[in-house]
N, C-alpha and C. Protein backbone atom coordinates (compact mmCIF):
# COMPACT_ATOMS: atom_id res chain seq x y z
N MET A 1 -14.75 -20.82 26.49
CA MET A 1 -13.67 -20.60 25.56
C MET A 1 -12.65 -19.65 26.20
N GLU A 2 -11.40 -19.98 26.07
CA GLU A 2 -10.32 -19.18 26.66
C GLU A 2 -10.04 -17.95 25.80
N GLU A 3 -9.82 -16.82 26.46
CA GLU A 3 -9.53 -15.58 25.77
C GLU A 3 -8.07 -15.55 25.32
N ASN A 4 -7.85 -15.07 24.11
CA ASN A 4 -6.51 -14.94 23.57
C ASN A 4 -6.04 -13.50 23.79
N PRO A 5 -5.11 -13.26 24.71
CA PRO A 5 -4.71 -11.89 25.02
C PRO A 5 -4.05 -11.17 23.84
N TYR A 6 -3.31 -11.89 23.01
CA TYR A 6 -2.68 -11.28 21.84
C TYR A 6 -3.74 -10.81 20.85
N LEU A 7 -4.72 -11.65 20.59
CA LEU A 7 -5.79 -11.30 19.65
C LEU A 7 -6.59 -10.11 20.19
N LYS A 8 -6.91 -10.15 21.48
CA LYS A 8 -7.65 -9.05 22.11
C LYS A 8 -6.88 -7.74 21.97
N SER A 9 -5.59 -7.78 22.24
CA SER A 9 -4.74 -6.60 22.15
C SER A 9 -4.71 -6.07 20.71
N THR A 10 -4.62 -6.96 19.75
CA THR A 10 -4.57 -6.57 18.34
C THR A 10 -5.88 -5.93 17.90
N ILE A 11 -6.99 -6.53 18.29
CA ILE A 11 -8.31 -5.97 17.93
C ILE A 11 -8.47 -4.59 18.54
N LEU A 12 -8.09 -4.42 19.80
CA LEU A 12 -8.21 -3.11 20.43
C LEU A 12 -7.27 -2.09 19.79
N GLU A 13 -6.12 -2.53 19.32
CA GLU A 13 -5.21 -1.63 18.62
C GLU A 13 -5.82 -1.16 17.29
N VAL A 14 -6.43 -2.08 16.56
CA VAL A 14 -7.11 -1.70 15.31
C VAL A 14 -8.22 -0.70 15.60
N PHE A 15 -9.01 -0.98 16.65
CA PHE A 15 -10.07 -0.05 17.05
C PHE A 15 -9.49 1.33 17.35
N GLU A 16 -8.44 1.38 18.15
CA GLU A 16 -7.82 2.67 18.51
C GLU A 16 -7.32 3.41 17.27
N ASN A 17 -6.75 2.68 16.32
CA ASN A 17 -6.29 3.30 15.08
C ASN A 17 -7.46 3.88 14.29
N GLN A 18 -8.56 3.13 14.22
CA GLN A 18 -9.75 3.63 13.52
C GLN A 18 -10.29 4.87 14.20
N LEU A 19 -10.31 4.85 15.51
CA LEU A 19 -10.83 5.97 16.29
C LEU A 19 -9.97 7.22 16.08
N GLN A 20 -8.67 7.07 16.17
CA GLN A 20 -7.76 8.20 16.02
C GLN A 20 -7.76 8.77 14.61
N ALA A 21 -7.86 7.90 13.62
CA ALA A 21 -7.85 8.35 12.22
C ALA A 21 -9.23 8.82 11.77
N ASP A 22 -10.25 8.55 12.60
CA ASP A 22 -11.63 8.83 12.22
C ASP A 22 -11.96 8.18 10.88
N ASP A 23 -11.49 6.94 10.76
CA ASP A 23 -11.68 6.19 9.51
C ASP A 23 -11.92 4.72 9.82
N PRO A 24 -13.11 4.25 9.64
CA PRO A 24 -14.28 4.96 9.14
C PRO A 24 -14.92 5.80 10.25
N PRO A 25 -15.58 6.89 9.87
CA PRO A 25 -16.17 7.79 10.86
C PRO A 25 -17.22 7.13 11.76
N ILE A 26 -17.84 6.06 11.28
CA ILE A 26 -18.87 5.38 12.05
C ILE A 26 -18.32 4.82 13.37
N VAL A 27 -17.04 4.54 13.41
CA VAL A 27 -16.43 4.01 14.64
C VAL A 27 -16.49 5.07 15.73
N ARG A 28 -16.07 6.29 15.44
CA ARG A 28 -16.14 7.39 16.41
C ARG A 28 -17.59 7.69 16.78
N GLN A 29 -18.47 7.71 15.79
CA GLN A 29 -19.90 7.98 16.05
C GLN A 29 -20.48 6.92 16.97
N THR A 30 -20.15 5.68 16.73
CA THR A 30 -20.67 4.59 17.56
C THR A 30 -20.10 4.66 18.96
N PHE A 31 -18.82 4.91 19.07
CA PHE A 31 -18.18 5.02 20.38
C PHE A 31 -18.84 6.14 21.19
N ASP A 32 -19.00 7.31 20.58
CA ASP A 32 -19.63 8.44 21.26
C ASP A 32 -21.08 8.13 21.64
N ARG A 33 -21.80 7.45 20.76
CA ARG A 33 -23.19 7.09 21.05
C ARG A 33 -23.28 6.14 22.24
N LEU A 34 -22.43 5.13 22.26
CA LEU A 34 -22.44 4.17 23.37
C LEU A 34 -22.11 4.86 24.70
N ILE A 35 -21.14 5.76 24.69
CA ILE A 35 -20.79 6.51 25.90
C ILE A 35 -22.00 7.34 26.34
N ALA A 36 -22.67 8.00 25.40
CA ALA A 36 -23.85 8.81 25.72
C ALA A 36 -25.00 7.95 26.27
N GLU A 37 -25.04 6.68 25.85
CA GLU A 37 -26.08 5.76 26.33
C GLU A 37 -25.73 5.17 27.70
N GLY A 38 -24.57 5.54 28.25
CA GLY A 38 -24.23 5.10 29.59
C GLY A 38 -23.21 3.98 29.68
N TYR A 39 -22.68 3.54 28.57
CA TYR A 39 -21.64 2.52 28.61
C TYR A 39 -20.32 3.17 28.98
N SER A 40 -19.50 2.44 29.71
CA SER A 40 -18.16 2.94 30.03
C SER A 40 -17.30 2.88 28.77
N GLU A 41 -16.16 3.56 28.81
CA GLU A 41 -15.24 3.50 27.66
C GLU A 41 -14.79 2.07 27.40
N VAL A 42 -14.51 1.34 28.46
CA VAL A 42 -14.08 -0.05 28.32
C VAL A 42 -15.18 -0.90 27.68
N GLU A 43 -16.42 -0.73 28.15
CA GLU A 43 -17.53 -1.49 27.58
C GLU A 43 -17.75 -1.14 26.12
N ALA A 44 -17.69 0.15 25.79
CA ALA A 44 -17.88 0.58 24.41
C ALA A 44 -16.79 0.01 23.50
N LYS A 45 -15.56 0.03 23.98
CA LYS A 45 -14.45 -0.53 23.20
C LYS A 45 -14.65 -2.03 22.97
N LYS A 46 -15.09 -2.73 24.00
CA LYS A 46 -15.32 -4.17 23.87
C LYS A 46 -16.42 -4.47 22.86
N LEU A 47 -17.51 -3.70 22.91
CA LEU A 47 -18.61 -3.91 21.97
C LEU A 47 -18.16 -3.67 20.54
N ILE A 48 -17.46 -2.57 20.32
CA ILE A 48 -16.98 -2.27 18.97
C ILE A 48 -15.93 -3.30 18.55
N GLY A 49 -15.10 -3.73 19.48
CA GLY A 49 -14.13 -4.77 19.20
C GLY A 49 -14.78 -6.08 18.79
N CYS A 50 -15.91 -6.39 19.37
CA CYS A 50 -16.64 -7.60 18.98
C CYS A 50 -17.11 -7.50 17.53
N VAL A 51 -17.65 -6.35 17.16
CA VAL A 51 -18.11 -6.16 15.78
C VAL A 51 -16.92 -6.22 14.82
N LEU A 52 -15.82 -5.60 15.20
CA LEU A 52 -14.61 -5.64 14.38
C LEU A 52 -14.12 -7.08 14.21
N SER A 53 -14.13 -7.84 15.27
CA SER A 53 -13.71 -9.25 15.22
C SER A 53 -14.59 -10.05 14.27
N ILE A 54 -15.88 -9.82 14.34
CA ILE A 54 -16.81 -10.54 13.48
C ILE A 54 -16.59 -10.15 12.02
N GLU A 55 -16.35 -8.87 11.77
CA GLU A 55 -16.08 -8.43 10.39
C GLU A 55 -14.81 -9.09 9.86
N ILE A 56 -13.78 -9.15 10.66
CA ILE A 56 -12.54 -9.81 10.24
C ILE A 56 -12.79 -11.29 9.98
N PHE A 57 -13.57 -11.93 10.86
CA PHE A 57 -13.89 -13.34 10.68
C PHE A 57 -14.63 -13.57 9.37
N GLU A 58 -15.60 -12.70 9.07
CA GLU A 58 -16.37 -12.83 7.82
C GLU A 58 -15.46 -12.68 6.60
N ILE A 59 -14.54 -11.74 6.66
CA ILE A 59 -13.60 -11.53 5.55
C ILE A 59 -12.77 -12.79 5.33
N LEU A 60 -12.26 -13.36 6.40
CA LEU A 60 -11.44 -14.56 6.28
C LEU A 60 -12.25 -15.79 5.86
N LYS A 61 -13.42 -15.93 6.45
CA LYS A 61 -14.25 -17.10 6.16
C LYS A 61 -14.71 -17.13 4.71
N LYS A 62 -15.13 -15.98 4.22
CA LYS A 62 -15.68 -15.91 2.86
C LYS A 62 -14.63 -15.50 1.83
N GLN A 63 -13.41 -15.24 2.30
CA GLN A 63 -12.32 -14.80 1.43
C GLN A 63 -12.77 -13.66 0.53
N GLU A 64 -13.28 -12.62 1.19
CA GLU A 64 -13.78 -11.47 0.46
C GLU A 64 -13.15 -10.19 1.01
N SER A 65 -13.44 -9.08 0.39
CA SER A 65 -12.94 -7.79 0.82
C SER A 65 -13.76 -7.26 1.98
N TYR A 66 -13.18 -6.28 2.66
CA TYR A 66 -13.88 -5.57 3.73
C TYR A 66 -15.21 -5.04 3.18
N ASN A 67 -16.27 -5.18 3.99
CA ASN A 67 -17.60 -4.74 3.57
C ASN A 67 -18.03 -3.60 4.48
N ASP A 68 -17.87 -2.38 4.00
CA ASP A 68 -18.19 -1.19 4.80
C ASP A 68 -19.66 -1.16 5.20
N GLU A 69 -20.53 -1.56 4.30
CA GLU A 69 -21.97 -1.55 4.60
C GLU A 69 -22.30 -2.51 5.74
N ARG A 70 -21.75 -3.71 5.69
CA ARG A 70 -22.00 -4.71 6.73
C ARG A 70 -21.45 -4.23 8.08
N TYR A 71 -20.24 -3.67 8.07
CA TYR A 71 -19.59 -3.17 9.29
C TYR A 71 -20.40 -2.02 9.89
N THR A 72 -20.83 -1.10 9.04
CA THR A 72 -21.63 0.05 9.49
C THR A 72 -22.95 -0.40 10.09
N LYS A 73 -23.64 -1.32 9.43
CA LYS A 73 -24.91 -1.82 9.96
C LYS A 73 -24.73 -2.48 11.32
N ALA A 74 -23.68 -3.26 11.45
CA ALA A 74 -23.42 -3.95 12.72
C ALA A 74 -23.12 -2.94 13.82
N LEU A 75 -22.34 -1.92 13.52
CA LEU A 75 -22.03 -0.89 14.52
C LEU A 75 -23.28 -0.12 14.91
N ASN A 76 -24.14 0.16 13.95
CA ASN A 76 -25.38 0.89 14.24
C ASN A 76 -26.33 0.10 15.13
N ARG A 77 -26.22 -1.23 15.11
CA ARG A 77 -27.10 -2.07 15.93
C ARG A 77 -26.60 -2.25 17.36
N LEU A 78 -25.37 -1.85 17.62
CA LEU A 78 -24.85 -2.01 18.98
C LEU A 78 -25.72 -1.26 19.97
N PRO A 79 -25.97 -1.80 21.15
CA PRO A 79 -25.23 -2.85 21.82
C PRO A 79 -25.64 -4.28 21.43
N LYS A 80 -26.61 -4.42 20.54
CA LYS A 80 -26.97 -5.77 20.09
C LYS A 80 -25.85 -6.26 19.17
N LEU A 81 -25.29 -7.42 19.52
CA LEU A 81 -24.17 -7.97 18.74
C LEU A 81 -24.67 -8.77 17.55
N PRO A 82 -23.91 -8.69 16.44
CA PRO A 82 -24.27 -9.50 15.27
C PRO A 82 -24.05 -10.98 15.56
N ARG A 83 -24.77 -11.79 14.84
CA ARG A 83 -24.61 -13.24 14.97
C ARG A 83 -23.68 -13.73 13.88
N LEU A 84 -22.95 -14.76 14.20
CA LEU A 84 -22.08 -15.39 13.20
C LEU A 84 -22.87 -16.38 12.40
């Protein structure tokens, strides 16, 4: 599957906004944990970006609101990625 550079850039921008705003706090906690576990900043951002992408996909697919519990659980399981 071909990577969409615009989508990738947008997901990383959302991640950066969450990180800077510390909202939700689990994003900063997960980023710091992954770095402490030996992942590079780029790898940690990609992992969190994957979870963010899946959460957005679930919202669109099910036409529902953001689910903080689902997002938090998925971030806590990283580096294991959630399944679609």
